[in-house]
PDB file of N, CA and C in Angstrom:
ATOM      1  N   UNK A   1       1.434  25.458   3.384  1.00  0.00           N
ATOM      2  CA  UNK A   1       1.707  25.505   2.195  1.00  0.00           C
ATOM      3  C   UNK A   1       1.359  24.562   1.028  1.00  0.00           C
ATOM      4  N   UNK A   2       0.935  24.769   0.441  1.00  0.00           N
ATOM      5  CA  UNK A   2       0.423  23.897  -0.992  1.00  0.00           C
ATOM      6  C   UNK A   2       1.315  23.011  -1.555  1.00  0.00           C
ATOM      7  N   UNK A   3       2.410  23.794  -1.773  1.00  0.00           N
ATOM      8  CA  UNK A   3       3.528  22.924  -2.962  1.00  0.00           C
ATOM      9  C   UNK A   3       4.617  21.692  -1.528  1.00  0.00           C
ATOM     10  N   UNK A   4       4.146  22.104  -0.004  1.00  0.00           N
ATOM     11  CA  UNK A   4       4.915  21.253   0.344  1.00  0.00           C
ATOM     12  C   UNK A   4       3.911  19.689   0.657  1.00  0.00           C
ATOM     13  N   UNK A   5       2.408  20.424   0.926  1.00  0.00           N
ATOM     14  CA  UNK A   5       1.394  19.488   0.916  1.00  0.00           C
ATOM     15  C   UNK A   5       1.007  18.354  -0.313  1.00  0.00           C
ATOM     16  N   UNK A   6       1.727  19.169  -1.642  1.00  0.00           N
ATOM     17  CA  UNK A   6       1.688  17.960  -2.745  1.00  0.00           C
ATOM     18  C   UNK A   6       3.075  17.395  -2.722  1.00  0.00           C
ATOM     19  N   UNK A   7       4.058  17.966  -2.547  1.00  0.00           N
ATOM     20  CA  UNK A   7       5.038  17.049  -2.300  1.00  0.00           C
ATOM     21  C   UNK A   7       5.093  15.883  -1.335  1.00  0.00           C
ATOM     22  N   UNK A   8       4.303  16.631  -0.240  1.00  0.00           N
ATOM     23  CA  UNK A   8       4.221  15.175   0.559  1.00  0.00           C
ATOM     24  C   UNK A   8       3.389  14.095   0.754  1.00  0.00           C
ATOM     25  N   UNK A   9       2.340  14.266  -0.522  1.00  0.00           N
ATOM     26  CA  UNK A   9       1.454  13.308  -0.525  1.00  0.00           C
ATOM     27  C   UNK A   9       1.897  12.575  -1.916  1.00  0.00           C
ATOM     28  N   UNK A  10       2.731  13.597  -2.895  1.00  0.00           N
ATOM     29  CA  UNK A  10       3.411  12.804  -3.840  1.00  0.00           C
ATOM     30  C   UNK A  10       4.435  11.601  -3.139  1.00  0.00           C
ATOM     31  N   UNK A  11       5.059  11.790  -2.165  1.00  0.00           N
ATOM     32  CA  UNK A  11       6.181  11.009  -1.520  1.00  0.00           C
ATOM     33  C   UNK A  11       5.125  10.246  -1.050  1.00  0.00           C
ATOM     34  N   UNK A  12       4.522  10.182  -0.320  1.00  0.00           N
ATOM     35  CA  UNK A  12       3.574   9.092   0.533  1.00  0.00           C
ATOM     36  C   UNK A  12       2.822   8.026  -0.542  1.00  0.00           C
ATOM     37  N   UNK A  13       2.480   8.989  -1.730  1.00  0.00           N
ATOM     38  CA  UNK A  13       2.076   8.000  -2.657  1.00  0.00           C
ATOM     39  C   UNK A  13       2.887   7.186  -3.609  1.00  0.00           C
ATOM     40  N   UNK A  14       4.237   7.252  -3.933  1.00  0.00           N
ATOM     41  CA  UNK A  14       5.234   6.754  -4.252  1.00  0.00           C
ATOM     42  C   UNK A  14       5.468   5.851  -3.229  1.00  0.00           C
ATOM     43  N   UNK A  15       5.677   6.304  -1.999  1.00  0.00           N
ATOM     44  CA  UNK A  15       6.344   5.015  -1.015  1.00  0.00           C
ATOM     45  C   UNK A  15       5.232   3.555  -0.957  1.00  0.00           C
ATOM     46  N   UNK A  16       4.262   4.482  -0.915  1.00  0.00           N
ATOM     47  CA  UNK A  16       2.927   2.879  -0.620  1.00  0.00           C
ATOM     48  C   UNK A  16       2.738   2.373  -2.174  1.00  0.00           C
ATOM     49  N   UNK A  17       3.036   2.958  -3.066  1.00  0.00           N
ATOM     50  CA  UNK A  17       3.243   2.011  -4.722  1.00  0.00           C
ATOM     51  C   UNK A  17       4.154   1.051  -4.747  1.00  0.00           C
ATOM     52  N   UNK A  18       5.702   1.806  -4.262  1.00  0.00           N
ATOM     53  CA  UNK A  18       6.750   0.535  -3.837  1.00  0.00           C
ATOM     54  C   UNK A  18       6.402  -0.358  -3.157  1.00  0.00           C
ATOM     55  N   UNK A  19       6.005  -0.076  -2.383  1.00  0.00           N
ATOM     56  CA  UNK A  19       6.110  -0.543  -0.897  1.00  0.00           C
ATOM     57  C   UNK A  19       4.690  -2.136  -1.405  1.00  0.00           C
ATOM     58  N   UNK A  20       3.641  -2.021  -2.352  1.00  0.00           N
ATOM     59  CA  UNK A  20       3.063  -2.552  -3.254  1.00  0.00           C
ATOM     60  C   UNK A  20       3.262  -3.606  -4.139  1.00  0.00           C
ATOM     61  N   UNK A  21       4.434  -2.903  -4.927  1.00  0.00           N
ATOM     62  CA  UNK A  21       5.246  -3.346  -5.881  1.00  0.00           C
ATOM     63  C   UNK A  21       6.100  -4.106  -5.474  1.00  0.00           C
ATOM     64  N   UNK A  22       6.445  -4.139  -4.170  1.00  0.00           N
ATOM     65  CA  UNK A  22       7.762  -4.821  -3.339  1.00  0.00           C
ATOM     66  C   UNK A  22       7.099  -6.367  -2.978  1.00  0.00           C
ATOM     67  N   UNK A  23       5.849  -6.214  -2.580  1.00  0.00           N
ATOM     68  CA  UNK A  23       5.234  -7.158  -2.172  1.00  0.00           C
ATOM     69  C   UNK A  23       4.700  -8.350  -3.282  1.00  0.00           C
ATOM     70  N   UNK A  24       4.211  -7.884  -4.170  1.00  0.00           N
ATOM     71  CA  UNK A  24       4.238  -8.530  -5.522  1.00  0.00           C
ATOM     72  C   UNK A  24       5.366  -9.153  -5.666  1.00  0.00           C
ATOM     73  N   UNK A  25       6.457  -8.282  -6.013  1.00  0.00           N
ATOM     74  CA  UNK A  25       7.673  -8.766  -6.330  1.00  0.00           C
ATOM     75  C   UNK A  25       8.270 -10.145  -5.669  1.00  0.00           C
ATOM     76  N   UNK A  26       8.093 -10.063  -4.466  1.00  0.00           N
ATOM     77  CA  UNK A  26       8.487 -10.993  -3.461  1.00  0.00           C
ATOM     78  C   UNK A  26       7.644 -12.304  -3.360  1.00  0.00           C
ATOM     79  N   UNK A  27       6.065 -12.146  -3.487  1.00  0.00           N
ATOM     80  CA  UNK A  27       5.261 -13.011  -3.759  1.00  0.00           C
ATOM     81  C   UNK A  27       5.526 -13.672  -5.180  1.00  0.00           C
ATOM     82  N   UNK A  28       6.314 -13.576  -5.808  1.00  0.00           N
ATOM     83  CA  UNK A  28       6.500 -14.231  -7.327  1.00  0.00           C
ATOM     84  C   UNK A  28       7.436 -14.794  -6.936  1.00  0.00           C
ATOM     85  N   UNK A  29       8.736 -14.207  -6.292  1.00  0.00           N
ATOM     86  CA  UNK A  29       9.909 -14.593  -6.556  1.00  0.00           C
ATOM     87  C   UNK A  29      10.496 -15.683  -4.896  1.00  0.00           C
ATOM     88  N   UNK A  30       9.449 -15.649  -3.907  1.00  0.00           N
ATOM     89  CA  UNK A  30       9.103 -16.028  -2.649  1.00  0.00           C
ATOM     90  C   UNK A  30       8.703 -17.387  -2.912  1.00  0.00           C
ATOM     91  N   UNK A  31       7.525 -17.177  -4.104  1.00  0.00           N
ATOM     92  CA  UNK A  31       6.390 -18.561  -4.470  1.00  0.00           C
ATOM     93  C   UNK A  31       5.554 -18.726  -3.227  1.00  0.00           C
ATOM     94  N   UNK A  32       5.231 -17.876  -2.708  1.00  0.00           N
ATOM     95  CA  UNK A  32       4.201 -17.751  -1.902  1.00  0.00           C
ATOM     96  C   UNK A  32       3.132 -16.363  -1.540  1.00  0.00           C
ATOM     97  N   UNK A  33       2.108 -16.703  -0.792  1.00  0.00           N
ATOM     98  CA  UNK A  33       1.437 -15.249  -0.870  1.00  0.00           C
ATOM     99  C   UNK A  33       1.803 -14.554   0.407  1.00  0.00           C
ATOM    100  N   UNK A  34       2.014 -13.244  -0.082  1.00  0.00           N
ATOM    101  CA  UNK A  34       2.019 -12.391   0.295  1.00  0.00           C
ATOM    102  C   UNK A  34       1.256 -11.009   0.766  1.00  0.00           C
ATOM    103  N   UNK A  35       1.120 -10.683   2.204  1.00  0.00           N
ATOM    104  CA  UNK A  35      -0.442  -9.724   2.646  1.00  0.00           C
ATOM    105  C   UNK A  35       0.292  -8.500   2.544  1.00  0.00           C
ATOM    106  N   UNK A  36      -0.359  -7.292   2.189  1.00  0.00           N
ATOM    107  CA  UNK A  36      -0.122  -5.780   2.892  1.00  0.00           C
ATOM    108  C   UNK A  36      -1.467  -5.320   3.669  1.00  0.00           C
ATOM    109  N   UNK A  37      -1.098  -5.103   5.174  1.00  0.00           N
ATOM    110  CA  UNK A  37      -2.235  -4.685   5.679  1.00  0.00           C
ATOM    111  C   UNK A  37      -2.111  -2.995   5.706  1.00  0.00           C
ATOM    112  N   UNK A  38      -3.201  -2.561   5.496  1.00  0.00           N
ATOM    113  CA  UNK A  38      -3.440  -1.229   5.626  1.00  0.00           C
ATOM    114  C   UNK A  38      -3.872  -0.760   6.843  1.00  0.00           C
ATOM    115  N   UNK A  39      -3.461  -0.436   7.911  1.00  0.00           N
ATOM    116  CA  UNK A  39      -4.050   0.010   8.979  1.00  0.00           C
ATOM    117  C   UNK A  39      -4.218   1.371   9.455  1.00  0.00           C
ATOM    118  N   UNK A  40      -5.772   1.944   9.062  1.00  0.00           N
ATOM    119  CA  UNK A  40      -6.154   3.250   8.657  1.00  0.00           C
ATOM    120  C   UNK A  40      -5.947   4.056  10.210  1.00  0.00           C
ATOM    121  N   UNK A  41      -6.065   3.000  11.014  1.00  0.00           N
ATOM    122  CA  UNK A  41      -6.041   3.979  12.278  1.00  0.00           C
ATOM    123  C   UNK A  41      -4.538   4.551  13.047  1.00  0.00           C
ATOM    124  N   UNK A  42      -4.053   3.692  12.743  1.00  0.00           N
ATOM    125  CA  UNK A  42      -2.470   3.965  12.880  1.00  0.00           C
ATOM    126  C   UNK A  42      -1.397   4.830  11.912  1.00  0.00           C
ATOM    127  N   UNK A  43      -2.120   4.550  10.464  1.00  0.00           N
ATOM    128  CA  UNK A  43      -1.533   5.124   9.338  1.00  0.00           C
ATOM    129  C   UNK A  43      -0.269   4.224   8.904  1.00  0.00           C
ATOM    130  N   UNK A  44       0.056   2.979   9.163  1.00  0.00           N
ATOM    131  CA  UNK A  44       1.142   2.093   8.769  1.00  0.00           C
ATOM    132  C   UNK A  44       0.621   0.991   7.765  1.00  0.00           C
ATOM    133  N   UNK A  45       1.249   1.010   6.850  1.00  0.00           N
ATOM    134  CA  UNK A  45       0.998  -0.429   5.968  1.00  0.00           C
ATOM    135  C   UNK A  45       2.460  -1.330   6.299  1.00  0.00           C
ATOM    136  N   UNK A  46       1.750  -3.129   7.057  1.00  0.00           N
ATOM    137  CA  UNK A  46       2.645  -3.746   7.013  1.00  0.00           C
ATOM    138  C   UNK A  46       2.687  -4.938   5.738  1.00  0.00           C
ATOM    139  N   UNK A  47       3.821  -5.715   6.000  1.00  0.00           N
ATOM    140  CA  UNK A  47       3.692  -6.511   4.539  1.00  0.00           C
ATOM    141  C   UNK A  47       4.428  -8.145   5.540  1.00  0.00           C
ATOM    142  N   UNK A  48       3.684  -8.999   4.972  1.00  0.00           N
ATOM    143  CA  UNK A  48       3.792 -10.100   5.836  1.00  0.00           C
ATOM    144  C   UNK A  48       4.023 -10.935   4.870  1.00  0.00           C
ATOM    145  N   UNK A  49       4.463 -12.550   4.771  1.00  0.00           N
ATOM    146  CA  UNK A  49       4.557 -13.240   4.062  1.00  0.00           C
ATOM    147  C   UNK A  49       4.174 -14.502   4.654  1.00  0.00           C
ATOM    148  N   UNK A  50       3.245 -15.168   3.825  1.00  0.00           N
ATOM    149  CA  UNK A  50       2.508 -16.549   4.236  1.00  0.00           C
ATOM    150  C   UNK A  50       2.790 -17.354   5.176  1.00  0.00           C
ATOM    151  N   UNK A  51       4.332 -17.586   4.839  1.00  0.00           N
ATOM    152  CA  UNK A  51       4.984 -18.644   5.590  1.00  0.00           C
ATOM    153  C   UNK A  51       5.807 -17.989   7.251  1.00  0.00           C
ATOM    154  N   UNK A  52       5.546 -16.926   7.141  1.00  0.00           N
ATOM    155  CA  UNK A  52       5.723 -16.142   8.511  1.00  0.00           C
ATOM    156  C   UNK A  52       5.235 -15.197   9.046  1.00  0.00           C
ATOM    157  N   UNK A  53       3.608 -15.233   9.243  1.00  0.00           N
ATOM    158  CA  UNK A  53       2.481 -14.306   9.727  1.00  0.00           C
ATOM    159  C   UNK A  53       2.838 -13.954  11.016  1.00  0.00           C
ATOM    160  N   UNK A  54       2.452 -12.365  10.819  1.00  0.00           N
ATOM    161  CA  UNK A  54       2.566 -12.128  12.617  1.00  0.00           C
ATOM    162  C   UNK A  54       3.895 -11.402  12.540  1.00  0.00           C
ATOM    163  N   UNK A  55       5.146 -11.856  11.713  1.00  0.00           N
ATOM    164  CA  UNK A  55       6.248 -11.106  11.940  1.00  0.00           C
ATOM    165  C   UNK A  55       6.381 -10.165  10.491  1.00  0.00           C
ATOM    166  N   UNK A  56       6.471  -8.542  10.367  1.00  0.00           N
ATOM    167  CA  UNK A  56       6.079  -8.475   9.124  1.00  0.00           C
ATOM    168  C   UNK A  56       7.342  -7.881   8.241  1.00  0.00           C
ATOM    169  N   UNK A  57       7.533  -8.334   7.238  1.00  0.00           N
ATOM    170  CA  UNK A  57       8.933  -8.025   6.312  1.00  0.00           C
ATOM    171  C   UNK A  57       9.237  -6.669   6.377  1.00  0.00           C
ATOM    172  N   UNK A  58       8.160  -6.030   6.301  1.00  0.00           N
ATOM    173  CA  UNK A  58       8.616  -4.371   6.271  1.00  0.00           C
ATOM    174  C   UNK A  58       7.123  -3.704   6.616  1.00  0.00           C
ATOM    175  N   UNK A  59       7.659  -2.439   7.279  1.00  0.00           N
ATOM    176  CA  UNK A  59       6.615  -1.542   7.884  1.00  0.00           C
ATOM    177  C   UNK A  59       6.427  -0.188   7.030  1.00  0.00           C
ATOM    178  N   UNK A  60       5.908   0.198   6.724  1.00  0.00           N
ATOM    179  CA  UNK A  60       5.622   1.911   5.951  1.00  0.00           C
ATOM    180  C   UNK A  60       4.684   2.970   7.134  1.00  0.00           C
ATOM    181  N   UNK A  61       5.424   3.843   7.698  1.00  0.00           N
ATOM    182  CA  UNK A  61       4.990   4.163   8.367  1.00  0.00           C
ATOM    183  C   UNK A  61       4.225   5.984   7.712  1.00  0.00           C
ATOM    184  N   UNK A  62       3.486   5.996   7.030  1.00  0.00           N
ATOM    185  CA  UNK A  62       2.602   6.934   6.235  1.00  0.00           C
ATOM    186  C   UNK A  62       2.439   8.288   7.335  1.00  0.00           C
ATOM    187  N   UNK A  63       2.054   7.865   8.289  1.00  0.00           N
ATOM    188  CA  UNK A  63       1.331   8.468   9.087  1.00  0.00           C
ATOM    189  C   UNK A  63       2.654   9.642   9.781  1.00  0.00           C
ATOM    190  N   UNK A  64       4.081   9.027   9.711  1.00  0.00           N
ATOM    191  CA  UNK A  64       5.025   9.845  10.224  1.00  0.00           C
ATOM    192  C   UNK A  64       5.156  11.065   8.828  1.00  0.00           C
ATOM    193  N   UNK A  65       4.656  10.931   7.718  1.00  0.00           N
ATOM    194  CA  UNK A  65       4.881  12.107   6.462  1.00  0.00           C
ATOM    195  C   UNK A  65       3.588  12.615   6.819  1.00  0.00           C
ATOM    196  N   UNK A  66       2.918  12.400   7.470  1.00  0.00           N
ATOM    197  CA  UNK A  66       1.564  13.272   7.511  1.00  0.00           C
ATOM    198  C   UNK A  66       0.362  12.833   6.688  1.00  0.00           C
ATOM    199  N   UNK A  67       0.764  11.244   6.183  1.00  0.00           N
ATOM    200  CA  UNK A  67      -0.291  11.373   5.177  1.00  0.00           C
ATOM    201  C   UNK A  67      -1.301   9.977   5.691  1.00  0.00           C
ATOM    202  N   UNK A  68      -2.285   9.897   5.875  1.00  0.00           N
ATOM    203  CA  UNK A  68      -3.771   9.673   6.428  1.00  0.00           C
ATOM    204  C   UNK A  68      -3.923   8.884   5.072  1.00  0.00           C
ATOM    205  N   UNK A  69      -4.877   7.165   5.716  1.00  0.00           N
ATOM    206  CA  UNK A  69      -4.717   6.375   4.866  1.00  0.00           C
ATOM    207  C   UNK A  69      -6.616   6.453   4.778  1.00  0.00           C
ATOM    208  N   UNK A  70      -7.337   7.297   3.892  1.00  0.00           N
ATOM    209  CA  UNK A  70      -8.724   7.278   3.753  1.00  0.00           C
ATOM    210  C   UNK A  70      -9.630   5.911   4.070  1.00  0.00           C
ATOM    211  N   UNK A  71      -9.224   5.302   2.940  1.00  0.00           N
ATOM    212  CA  UNK A  71     -10.286   4.062   2.895  1.00  0.00           C
ATOM    213  C   UNK A  71      -9.438   3.402   1.528  1.00  0.00           C
ATOM    214  N   UNK A  72      -9.378   1.843   1.643  1.00  0.00           N
ATOM    215  CA  UNK A  72      -9.087   0.928   0.714  1.00  0.00           C
ATOM    216  C   UNK A  72     -10.511   0.194   0.236  1.00  0.00           C
ATOM    217  N   UNK A  73     -10.832   0.211  -0.863  1.00  0.00           N
ATOM    218  CA  UNK A  73     -12.196  -0.129  -1.380  1.00  0.00           C
ATOM    219  C   UNK A  73     -12.284  -1.465  -1.083  1.00  0.00           C
ATOM    220  N   UNK A  74     -11.274  -2.380  -1.102  1.00  0.00           N
ATOM    221  CA  UNK A  74     -11.484  -4.035  -0.998  1.00  0.00           C
ATOM    222  C   UNK A  74     -10.812  -4.180   0.476  1.00  0.00           C
ATOM    223  N   UNK A  75     -11.056  -3.334   1.499  1.00  0.00           N
ATOM    224  CA  UNK A  75     -10.979  -3.768   2.548  1.00  0.00           C
ATOM    225  C   UNK A  75      -9.440  -3.467   2.852  1.00  0.00           C
ATOM    226  N   UNK A  76      -8.838  -3.943   4.490  1.00  0.00           N
ATOM    227  CA  UNK A  76      -7.381  -3.408   4.707  1.00  0.00           C
ATOM    228  C   UNK A  76      -6.524  -4.304   4.471  1.00  0.00           C
ATOM    229  N   UNK A  77      -6.676  -5.386   3.605  1.00  0.00           N
ATOM    230  CA  UNK A  77      -5.694  -6.502   3.259  1.00  0.00           C
ATOM    231  C   UNK A  77      -5.680  -6.383   1.631  1.00  0.00           C
ATOM    232  N   UNK A  78      -4.662  -6.271   0.911  1.00  0.00           N
ATOM    233  CA  UNK A  78      -4.495  -6.355  -0.281  1.00  0.00           C
ATOM    234  C   UNK A  78      -3.022  -7.913  -0.295  1.00  0.00           C
ATOM    235  N   UNK A  79      -3.870  -8.851  -0.979  1.00  0.00           N
ATOM    236  CA  UNK A  79      -3.121  -9.995  -0.896  1.00  0.00           C
ATOM    237  C   UNK A  79      -2.457 -10.163  -2.427  1.00  0.00           C
ATOM    238  N   UNK A  80      -0.855 -10.674  -2.485  1.00  0.00           N
ATOM    239  CA  UNK A  80      -0.748 -10.937  -3.996  1.00  0.00           C
ATOM    240  C   UNK A  80       0.163 -12.245  -4.026  1.00  0.00           C
ATOM    241  N   UNK A  81      -0.438 -13.042  -4.877  1.00  0.00           N
ATOM    242  CA  UNK A  81       0.243 -14.299  -4.951  1.00  0.00           C
ATOM    243  C   UNK A  81       1.047 -14.464  -5.979  1.00  0.00           C
ATOM    244  N   UNK A  82       1.625 -15.937  -5.585  1.00  0.00           N
ATOM    245  CA  UNK A  82       3.062 -16.204  -6.656  1.00  0.00           C
ATOM    246  C   UNK A  82       2.779 -16.126  -8.131  1.00  0.00           C
ATOM    247  N   UNK A  83       1.725 -16.031  -9.135  1.00  0.00           N
ATOM    248  CA  UNK A  83       1.542 -15.503  -9.967  1.00  0.00           C
ATOM    249  C   UNK A  83       1.473 -14.338 -10.251  1.00  0.00           C
ATOM    250  N   UNK A  84       1.477 -13.290  -9.289  1.00  0.00           N
ATOM    251  CA  UNK A  84       1.812 -12.194  -9.183  1.00  0.00           C
ATOM    252  C   UNK A  84       0.420 -10.986  -9.293  1.00  0.00           C
ATOM    253  N   UNK A  85      -0.656 -11.881  -9.302  1.00  0.00           N
ATOM    254  CA  UNK A  85      -1.986 -11.405  -9.118  1.00  0.00           C
ATOM    255  C   UNK A  85      -2.139 -11.481  -7.556  1.00  0.00           C
ATOM    256  N   UNK A  86      -3.270 -10.313  -7.703  1.00  0.00           N
ATOM    257  CA  UNK A  86      -4.019 -10.200  -6.556  1.00  0.00           C
ATOM    258  C   UNK A  86      -5.236 -10.268  -6.419  1.00  0.00           C
ATOM    259  N   UNK A  87      -5.674 -10.851  -5.200  1.00  0.00           N
ATOM    260  CA  UNK A  87      -6.392 -11.642  -4.529  1.00  0.00           C
ATOM    261  C   UNK A  87      -8.044 -10.779  -5.252  1.00  0.00           C
ATOM    262  N   UNK A  88      -8.397  -9.535  -5.070  1.00  0.00           N
ATOM    263  CA  UNK A  88      -9.025  -8.239  -5.656  1.00  0.00           C
ATOM    264  C   UNK A  88      -8.278  -7.227  -6.272  1.00  0.00           C
ATOM    265  N   UNK A  89      -8.966  -6.800  -6.893  1.00  0.00           N
ATOM    266  CA  UNK A  89      -8.334  -5.179  -7.040  1.00  0.00           C
ATOM    267  C   UNK A  89      -8.834  -4.225  -6.375  1.00  0.00           C
ATOM    268  N   UNK A  90      -8.363  -3.274  -6.089  1.00  0.00           N
ATOM    269  CA  UNK A  90      -8.395  -2.483  -4.748  1.00  0.00           C
ATOM    270  C   UNK A  90      -8.020  -0.923  -5.089  1.00  0.00           C
ATOM    271  N   UNK A  91      -8.239   0.026  -4.802  1.00  0.00           N
ATOM    272  CA  UNK A  91      -8.358   1.771  -4.768  1.00  0.00           C
ATOM    273  C   UNK A  91      -7.997   2.287  -3.409  1.00  0.00           C
ATOM    274  N   UNK A  92      -7.012   2.265  -3.426  1.00  0.00           N
ATOM    275  CA  UNK A  92      -6.751   3.077  -1.848  1.00  0.00           C
ATOM    276  C   UNK A  92      -6.325   4.537  -1.515  1.00  0.00           C
ATOM    277  N   UNK A  93      -7.257   5.194  -1.111  1.00  0.00           N
ATOM    278  CA  UNK A  93      -7.296   6.724  -1.014  1.00  0.00           C
ATOM    279  C   UNK A  93      -5.909   7.098   0.029  1.00  0.00           C
ATOM    280  N   UNK A  94      -5.525   8.178  -0.203  1.00  0.00           N
ATOM    281  CA  UNK A  94      -4.817   8.814   0.706  1.00  0.00           C
ATOM    282  C   UNK A  94      -4.960  10.461   0.949  1.00  0.00           C
ATOM    283  N   UNK A  95      -4.743  10.782   2.021  1.00  0.00           N
ATOM    284  CA  UNK A  95      -4.989  12.487   1.973  1.00  0.00           C
ATOM    285  C   UNK A  95      -3.636  12.848   3.253  1.00  0.00           C
ATOM    286  N   UNK A  96      -3.294  13.865   2.428  1.00  0.00           N
ATOM    287  CA  UNK A  96      -2.367  14.810   3.538  1.00  0.00           C
ATOM    288  C   UNK A  96      -2.886  16.189   4.533  1.00  0.00           C
ATOM    289  N   UNK A  97      -1.771  16.455   4.940  1.00  0.00           N
ATOM    290  CA  UNK A  97      -2.794  17.487   6.268  1.00  0.00           C
ATOM    291  C   UNK A  97      -3.406  18.775   5.335  1.00  0.00           C
ATOM    292  N   UNK A  98      -3.009  19.084   4.201  1.00  0.00           N
ATOM    293  CA  UNK A  98      -3.836  20.028   3.737  1.00  0.00           C
ATOM    294  C   UNK A  98      -5.166  19.264   2.797  1.00  0.00           C
ATOM    295  N   UNK A  99      -5.636  18.056   3.488  1.00  0.00           N
ATOM    296  CA  UNK A  99      -7.056  17.438   2.882  1.00  0.00           C
ATOM    297  C   UNK A  99      -7.142  17.251   1.860  1.00  0.00           C
ATOM    298  N   UNK A 100      -5.851  17.280   1.028  1.00  0.00           N
ATOM    299  CA  UNK A 100      -5.692  17.033  -0.774  1.00  0.00           C
ATOM    300  C   UNK A 100      -5.551  15.123  -0.851  1.00  0.00           C
ATOM    301  N   UNK A 101      -6.372  14.628  -1.996  1.00  0.00           N
ATOM    302  CA  UNK A 101      -6.251  13.224  -1.965  1.00  0.00           C
ATOM    303  C   UNK A 101      -5.440  12.458  -3.088  1.00  0.00           C
ATOM    304  N   UNK A 102      -5.174  11.848  -2.915  1.00  0.00           N
ATOM    305  CA  UNK A 102      -4.305  10.568  -4.599  1.00  0.00           C
ATOM    306  C   UNK A 102      -4.938   9.485  -4.260  1.00  0.00           C
ATOM    307  N   UNK A 103      -4.499   8.520  -4.963  1.00  0.00           N
ATOM    308  CA  UNK A 103      -4.794   7.161  -5.025  1.00  0.00           C
ATOM    309  C   UNK A 103      -4.323   6.487  -5.689  1.00  0.00           C
ATOM    310  N   UNK A 104      -4.182   5.297  -5.151  1.00  0.00           N
ATOM    311  CA  UNK A 104      -3.267   4.103  -5.634  1.00  0.00           C
ATOM    312  C   UNK A 104      -3.792   3.127  -6.009  1.00  0.00           C
ATOM    313  N   UNK A 105      -4.186   2.543  -7.223  1.00  0.00           N
ATOM    314  CA  UNK A 105      -4.801   1.460  -7.379  1.00  0.00           C
ATOM    315  C   UNK A 105      -4.386  -0.152  -7.790  1.00  0.00           C
ATOM    316  N   UNK A 106      -4.734  -1.229  -7.120  1.00  0.00           N
ATOM    317  CA  UNK A 106      -3.917  -2.224  -7.375  1.00  0.00           C
ATOM    318  C   UNK A 106      -5.186  -3.156  -8.252  1.00  0.00           C
ATOM    319  N   UNK A 107      -4.501  -3.378  -9.170  1.00  0.00           N
ATOM    320  CA  UNK A 107      -5.734  -4.303 -10.457  1.00  0.00           C
ATOM    321  C   UNK A 107      -5.519  -5.815  -9.989  1.00  0.00           C
ATOM    322  N   UNK A 108      -6.620  -6.303 -10.448  1.00  0.00           N
ATOM    323  CA  UNK A 108      -6.480  -8.354 -10.340  1.00  0.00           C
ATOM    324  C   UNK A 108      -5.119  -8.740 -10.750  1.00  0.00           C
ATOM    325  N   UNK A 109      -4.951  -7.905 -11.706  1.00  0.00           N
ATOM    326  CA  UNK A 109      -3.360  -8.889 -12.406  1.00  0.00           C
ATOM    327  C   UNK A 109      -2.666  -8.541 -11.261  1.00  0.00           C
ATOM    328  N   UNK A 110      -2.233  -7.689 -10.701  1.00  0.00           N
ATOM    329  CA  UNK A 110      -1.166  -7.098  -9.757  1.00  0.00           C
ATOM    330  C   UNK A 110      -0.631  -5.816  -9.993  1.00  0.00           C
ATOM    331  N   UNK A 111      -1.024  -5.255 -11.201  1.00  0.00           N
ATOM    332  CA  UNK A 111      -0.735  -3.633 -11.590  1.00  0.00           C
ATOM    333  C   UNK A 111      -1.118  -2.784 -10.485  1.00  0.00           C
ATOM    334  N   UNK A 112       0.035  -1.852 -10.158  1.00  0.00           N
ATOM    335  CA  UNK A 112       0.296  -0.665  -9.151  1.00  0.00           C
ATOM    336  C   UNK A 112       0.122   0.263 -10.033  1.00  0.00           C
ATOM    337  N   UNK A 113      -0.999   1.158 -10.061  1.00  0.00           N
ATOM    338  CA  UNK A 113      -0.425   2.472 -10.508  1.00  0.00           C
ATOM    339  C   UNK A 113      -1.094   3.551  -9.770  1.00  0.00           C
ATOM    340  N   UNK A 114      -0.559   4.938  -9.865  1.00  0.00           N
ATOM    341  CA  UNK A 114      -0.949   6.016  -9.039  1.00  0.00           C
ATOM    342  C   UNK A 114      -1.516   6.983 -10.087  1.00  0.00           C
ATOM    343  N   UNK A 115      -2.519   7.617  -9.077  1.00  0.00           N
ATOM    344  CA  UNK A 115      -3.538   8.762  -9.544  1.00  0.00           C
ATOM    345  C   UNK A 115      -3.460  10.273  -8.912  1.00  0.00           C
TER     346      UNK A 115
END
């Protein structure tokens, strides 16, 4: 169903954008870099603080929502610094089971936008 697919994509998009915004907030409040790893193979997005690498703060399982991470223009890691800025701007493309795509963009200033 196309409506379900769009709603599914919107939910995944909102979840990813929220995850990225939380990572930025955490970097600013904890005064340390926070990395968001986009594991396209597993469909999982995990967040780690630089003070505790290897131990995810949170994980978002987009694969369980039927969402695939197609690509991230700046690679699989988005890093937010205590200033709120991102290491690089990036565009993350998601796809649902009906093959519809949507994007989340992180600017170098750390702003997260959805399209």
